[in-house]
């Protein structure tokens, strides 16, 4: 009887922790999915998808060392200035804080459009902040900077 009570107590105490861990894994998978969707949307210049993925109050410090907001980034895409021939994102870190997710990692892009480095490859480090609002994730802030040497 004592073993049964001990086992019951352990299960009772660990059940909520296991449930929380599964919820965190599910939410992390959602965050990774919207990051992949963002990359695909950027490659396709899909402004409608980006409008949905980005919060209206999105702020970005971009690799050109400019501070821009959502309308500014969308304007760069619509004008043909900001475009990508290739975009690979490697997420190295995801941390959840309730309805906030911090995502960080590296990216390799080949610029296109009217970018000064169109046709060149850049390696970037990035940090993105995603907030879960009304059941969906939206990016609220992003910082990216170029690291290493430029490839021709």
C-alpha atoms as a PDB file:
ATOM      1  CA  UNK A   1       0.000   0.000   0.000  1.00  0.00           C
ATOM      2  CA  UNK A   2       2.826   2.410   0.806  1.00  0.00           C
ATOM      3  CA  UNK A   3       4.401   1.895  -2.646  1.00  0.00           C
ATOM      4  CA  UNK A   4       1.073   2.519  -4.317  1.00  0.00           C
ATOM      5  CA  UNK A   5       0.592   5.734  -2.345  1.00  0.00           C
ATOM      6  CA  UNK A   6       4.140   6.855  -3.173  1.00  0.00           C
ATOM      7  CA  UNK A   7       3.617   6.156  -6.872  1.00  0.00           C
ATOM      8  CA  UNK A   8       0.266   7.973  -6.797  1.00  0.00           C
ATOM      9  CA  UNK A   9       1.884  10.971  -5.071  1.00  0.00           C
ATOM     10  CA  UNK A  10       4.705  11.097  -7.635  1.00  0.00           C
ATOM     11  CA  UNK A  11       2.251  10.944 -10.527  1.00  0.00           C
ATOM     12  CA  UNK A  12       0.073  13.601  -8.915  1.00  0.00           C
ATOM     13  CA  UNK A  13       3.056  15.906  -8.454  1.00  0.00           C
ATOM     14  CA  UNK A  14       4.691  15.372 -11.873  1.00  0.00           C
ATOM     15  CA  UNK A  15       1.506  15.397 -13.961  1.00  0.00           C
ATOM     16  CA  UNK A  16       1.217  19.208 -14.145  1.00  0.00           C
ATOM     17  CA  UNK A  17       4.938  19.551 -14.957  1.00  0.00           C
ATOM     18  CA  UNK A  18       4.634  17.061 -17.826  1.00  0.00           C
ATOM     19  CA  UNK A  19       1.540  18.859 -19.140  1.00  0.00           C
ATOM     20  CA  UNK A  20       3.360  22.218 -18.997  1.00  0.00           C
ATOM     21  CA  UNK A  21       6.362  20.761 -20.823  1.00  0.00           C
ATOM     22  CA  UNK A  22       4.111  19.391 -23.592  1.00  0.00           C
ATOM     23  CA  UNK A  23       2.395  22.783 -23.898  1.00  0.00           C
ATOM     24  CA  UNK A  24       5.792  24.509 -24.170  1.00  0.00           C
ATOM     25  CA  UNK A  25       6.867  22.024 -26.854  1.00  0.00           C
ATOM     26  CA  UNK A  26       3.654  22.674 -28.793  1.00  0.00           C
ATOM     27  CA  UNK A  27       4.087  26.454 -28.519  1.00  0.00           C
ATOM     28  CA  UNK A  28       7.749  26.224 -29.550  1.00  0.00           C
ATOM     29  CA  UNK A  29       6.707  24.196 -32.598  1.00  0.00           C
ATOM     30  CA  UNK A  30       4.188  26.953 -33.456  1.00  0.00           C
ATOM     31  CA  UNK A  31       6.912  29.614 -33.142  1.00  0.00           C
ATOM     32  CA  UNK A  32       9.241  27.613 -35.390  1.00  0.00           C
ATOM     33  CA  UNK A  33       6.412  27.195 -37.923  1.00  0.00           C
ATOM     34  CA  UNK A  34       5.654  30.936 -38.129  1.00  0.00           C
ATOM     35  CA  UNK A  35       9.382  31.627 -38.534  1.00  0.00           C
ATOM     36  CA  UNK A  36       9.497  29.234 -41.497  1.00  0.00           C
ATOM     37  CA  UNK A  37       6.352  30.885 -42.886  1.00  0.00           C
ATOM     38  CA  UNK A  38       7.996  34.302 -42.563  1.00  0.00           C
ATOM     39  CA  UNK A  39      11.046  33.156 -44.541  1.00  0.00           C
ATOM     40  CA  UNK A  40       8.859  31.664 -47.296  1.00  0.00           C
ATOM     41  CA  UNK A  41       6.767  34.853 -47.409  1.00  0.00           C
ATOM     42  CA  UNK A  42       9.898  36.993 -47.741  1.00  0.00           C
ATOM     43  CA  UNK A  43      11.171  34.815 -50.598  1.00  0.00           C
ATOM     44  CA  UNK A  44       7.822  35.184 -52.416  1.00  0.00           C
ATOM     45  CA  UNK A  45       7.435  38.895 -51.574  1.00  0.00           C
ATOM     46  CA  UNK A  46       4.082  37.893 -50.070  1.00  0.00           C
ATOM     47  CA  UNK A  47       3.093  41.149 -48.404  1.00  0.00           C
ATOM     48  CA  UNK A  48      -0.339  39.838 -47.352  1.00  0.00           C
ATOM     49  CA  UNK A  49       1.227  36.974 -45.380  1.00  0.00           C
ATOM     50  CA  UNK A  50       3.809  39.306 -43.834  1.00  0.00           C
ATOM     51  CA  UNK A  51       1.074  41.761 -42.800  1.00  0.00           C
ATOM     52  CA  UNK A  52      -0.526  38.883 -40.887  1.00  0.00           C
ATOM     53  CA  UNK A  53       2.737  37.592 -39.369  1.00  0.00           C
ATOM     54  CA  UNK A  54       3.981  41.008 -38.251  1.00  0.00           C
ATOM     55  CA  UNK A  55       2.363  43.027 -35.500  1.00  0.00           C
ATOM     56  CA  UNK A  56       1.197  46.511 -36.465  1.00  0.00           C
ATOM     57  CA  UNK A  57       3.714  47.865 -33.957  1.00  0.00           C
ATOM     58  CA  UNK A  58       6.646  45.819 -35.350  1.00  0.00           C
ATOM     59  CA  UNK A  59      10.035  47.502 -35.096  1.00  0.00           C
ATOM     60  CA  UNK A  60      13.155  46.287 -36.877  1.00  0.00           C
ATOM     61  CA  UNK A  61      16.823  47.163 -36.692  1.00  0.00           C
ATOM     62  CA  UNK A  62      17.828  45.818 -40.093  1.00  0.00           C
ATOM     63  CA  UNK A  63      21.188  44.641 -41.486  1.00  0.00           C
ATOM     64  CA  UNK A  64      21.645  48.058 -43.129  1.00  0.00           C
ATOM     65  CA  UNK A  65      21.685  49.472 -39.581  1.00  0.00           C
ATOM     66  CA  UNK A  66      18.379  51.270 -40.122  1.00  0.00           C
ATOM     67  CA  UNK A  67      15.517  51.351 -37.631  1.00  0.00           C
ATOM     68  CA  UNK A  68      12.226  50.747 -39.447  1.00  0.00           C
ATOM     69  CA  UNK A  69       8.647  49.888 -38.592  1.00  0.00           C
ATOM     70  CA  UNK A  70       6.140  47.563 -40.269  1.00  0.00           C
ATOM     71  CA  UNK A  71       4.958  50.076 -42.912  1.00  0.00           C
ATOM     72  CA  UNK A  72       8.604  50.886 -43.667  1.00  0.00           C
ATOM     73  CA  UNK A  73       9.582  47.250 -44.259  1.00  0.00           C
ATOM     74  CA  UNK A  74       6.458  46.567 -46.309  1.00  0.00           C
ATOM     75  CA  UNK A  75       7.206  49.690 -48.353  1.00  0.00           C
ATOM     76  CA  UNK A  76      10.731  48.408 -49.077  1.00  0.00           C
ATOM     77  CA  UNK A  77       9.276  45.112 -50.285  1.00  0.00           C
ATOM     78  CA  UNK A  78       6.525  46.759 -52.363  1.00  0.00           C
ATOM     79  CA  UNK A  79       9.044  49.102 -54.009  1.00  0.00           C
ATOM     80  CA  UNK A  80      11.249  46.174 -55.051  1.00  0.00           C
ATOM     81  CA  UNK A  81      14.140  47.440 -52.951  1.00  0.00           C
ATOM     82  CA  UNK A  82      14.063  44.586 -50.410  1.00  0.00           C
ATOM     83  CA  UNK A  83      14.056  41.136 -51.997  1.00  0.00           C
ATOM     84  CA  UNK A  84      15.831  37.828 -51.588  1.00  0.00           C
ATOM     85  CA  UNK A  85      17.094  35.285 -54.103  1.00  0.00           C
ATOM     86  CA  UNK A  86      17.767  32.846 -51.264  1.00  0.00           C
ATOM     87  CA  UNK A  87      17.026  32.884 -47.534  1.00  0.00           C
ATOM     88  CA  UNK A  88      18.039  30.224 -45.022  1.00  0.00           C
ATOM     89  CA  UNK A  89      17.241  30.661 -41.322  1.00  0.00           C
ATOM     90  CA  UNK A  90      18.766  28.451 -38.634  1.00  0.00           C
ATOM     91  CA  UNK A  91      17.016  28.829 -35.303  1.00  0.00           C
ATOM     92  CA  UNK A  92      19.475  28.143 -32.517  1.00  0.00           C
ATOM     93  CA  UNK A  93      17.454  29.363 -29.554  1.00  0.00           C
ATOM     94  CA  UNK A  94      13.790  29.581 -28.620  1.00  0.00           C
ATOM     95  CA  UNK A  95      12.712  30.646 -25.158  1.00  0.00           C
ATOM     96  CA  UNK A  96       9.106  31.097 -24.103  1.00  0.00           C
ATOM     97  CA  UNK A  97       8.001  33.613 -21.486  1.00  0.00           C
ATOM     98  CA  UNK A  98       4.269  33.097 -21.360  1.00  0.00           C
ATOM     99  CA  UNK A  99       2.911  34.756 -24.514  1.00  0.00           C
ATOM    100  CA  UNK A 100       6.347  36.055 -25.553  1.00  0.00           C
ATOM    101  CA  UNK A 101       8.923  34.037 -27.488  1.00  0.00           C
ATOM    102  CA  UNK A 102      12.544  35.002 -28.015  1.00  0.00           C
ATOM    103  CA  UNK A 103      14.007  33.446 -31.168  1.00  0.00           C
ATOM    104  CA  UNK A 104      17.668  33.768 -32.125  1.00  0.00           C
ATOM    105  CA  UNK A 105      20.005  32.235 -34.626  1.00  0.00           C
ATOM    106  CA  UNK A 106      21.763  32.769 -37.913  1.00  0.00           C
ATOM    107  CA  UNK A 107      20.692  33.400 -41.481  1.00  0.00           C
ATOM    108  CA  UNK A 108      22.337  33.154 -44.861  1.00  0.00           C
ATOM    109  CA  UNK A 109      20.749  35.311 -47.542  1.00  0.00           C
ATOM    110  CA  UNK A 110      21.416  36.200 -51.141  1.00  0.00           C
ATOM    111  CA  UNK A 111      20.116  39.708 -51.688  1.00  0.00           C
ATOM    112  CA  UNK A 112      18.026  40.597 -54.728  1.00  0.00           C
ATOM    113  CA  UNK A 113      15.894  43.519 -55.832  1.00  0.00           C
ATOM    114  CA  UNK A 114      17.403  46.986 -55.636  1.00  0.00           C
ATOM    115  CA  UNK A 115      19.517  46.195 -52.554  1.00  0.00           C
ATOM    116  CA  UNK A 116      23.062  47.627 -52.680  1.00  0.00           C
ATOM    117  CA  UNK A 117      24.426  44.078 -52.308  1.00  0.00           C
ATOM    118  CA  UNK A 118      22.026  42.409 -54.780  1.00  0.00           C
ATOM    119  CA  UNK A 119      23.535  39.131 -55.936  1.00  0.00           C
ATOM    120  CA  UNK A 120      25.825  38.889 -52.910  1.00  0.00           C
ATOM    121  CA  UNK A 121      25.600  36.476 -49.993  1.00  0.00           C
ATOM    122  CA  UNK A 122      25.458  37.735 -46.416  1.00  0.00           C
ATOM    123  CA  UNK A 123      25.582  35.865 -43.143  1.00  0.00           C
ATOM    124  CA  UNK A 124      23.416  37.383 -40.431  1.00  0.00           C
ATOM    125  CA  UNK A 125      22.790  36.975 -36.724  1.00  0.00           C
ATOM    126  CA  UNK A 126      19.234  37.741 -35.663  1.00  0.00           C
ATOM    127  CA  UNK A 127      16.973  37.998 -32.661  1.00  0.00           C
ATOM    128  CA  UNK A 128      13.218  38.108 -33.056  1.00  0.00           C
ATOM    129  CA  UNK A 129      10.505  38.686 -30.474  1.00  0.00           C
ATOM    130  CA  UNK A 130       7.157  37.033 -31.147  1.00  0.00           C
ATOM    131  CA  UNK A 131       4.009  37.656 -29.113  1.00  0.00           C
ATOM    132  CA  UNK A 132       0.976  35.395 -28.979  1.00  0.00           C
ATOM    133  CA  UNK A 133      -2.139  37.511 -29.319  1.00  0.00           C
ATOM    134  CA  UNK A 134      -5.680  36.208 -29.803  1.00  0.00           C
ATOM    135  CA  UNK A 135      -4.336  32.707 -30.372  1.00  0.00           C
ATOM    136  CA  UNK A 136      -1.723  33.526 -33.022  1.00  0.00           C
ATOM    137  CA  UNK A 137       1.928  34.488 -33.054  1.00  0.00           C
ATOM    138  CA  UNK A 138       3.070  37.827 -34.458  1.00  0.00           C
ATOM    139  CA  UNK A 139       6.552  39.242 -34.578  1.00  0.00           C
ATOM    140  CA  UNK A 140       6.817  42.476 -32.595  1.00  0.00           C
ATOM    141  CA  UNK A 141      10.560  43.208 -32.830  1.00  0.00           C
ATOM    142  CA  UNK A 142      13.589  42.053 -34.790  1.00  0.00           C
ATOM    143  CA  UNK A 143      17.271  42.854 -34.862  1.00  0.00           C
ATOM    144  CA  UNK A 144      19.628  41.510 -37.523  1.00  0.00           C
ATOM    145  CA  UNK A 145      23.198  42.333 -38.353  1.00  0.00           C
ATOM    146  CA  UNK A 146      25.682  41.150 -40.951  1.00  0.00           C
ATOM    147  CA  UNK A 147      28.592  39.074 -39.629  1.00  0.00           C
ATOM    148  CA  UNK A 148      31.708  37.813 -41.336  1.00  0.00           C
ATOM    149  CA  UNK A 149      32.912  38.544 -44.833  1.00  0.00           C
ATOM    150  CA  UNK A 150      30.713  39.201 -47.828  1.00  0.00           C
ATOM    151  CA  UNK A 151      30.830  36.569 -50.621  1.00  0.00           C
ATOM    152  CA  UNK A 152      30.741  37.620 -54.236  1.00  0.00           C
END
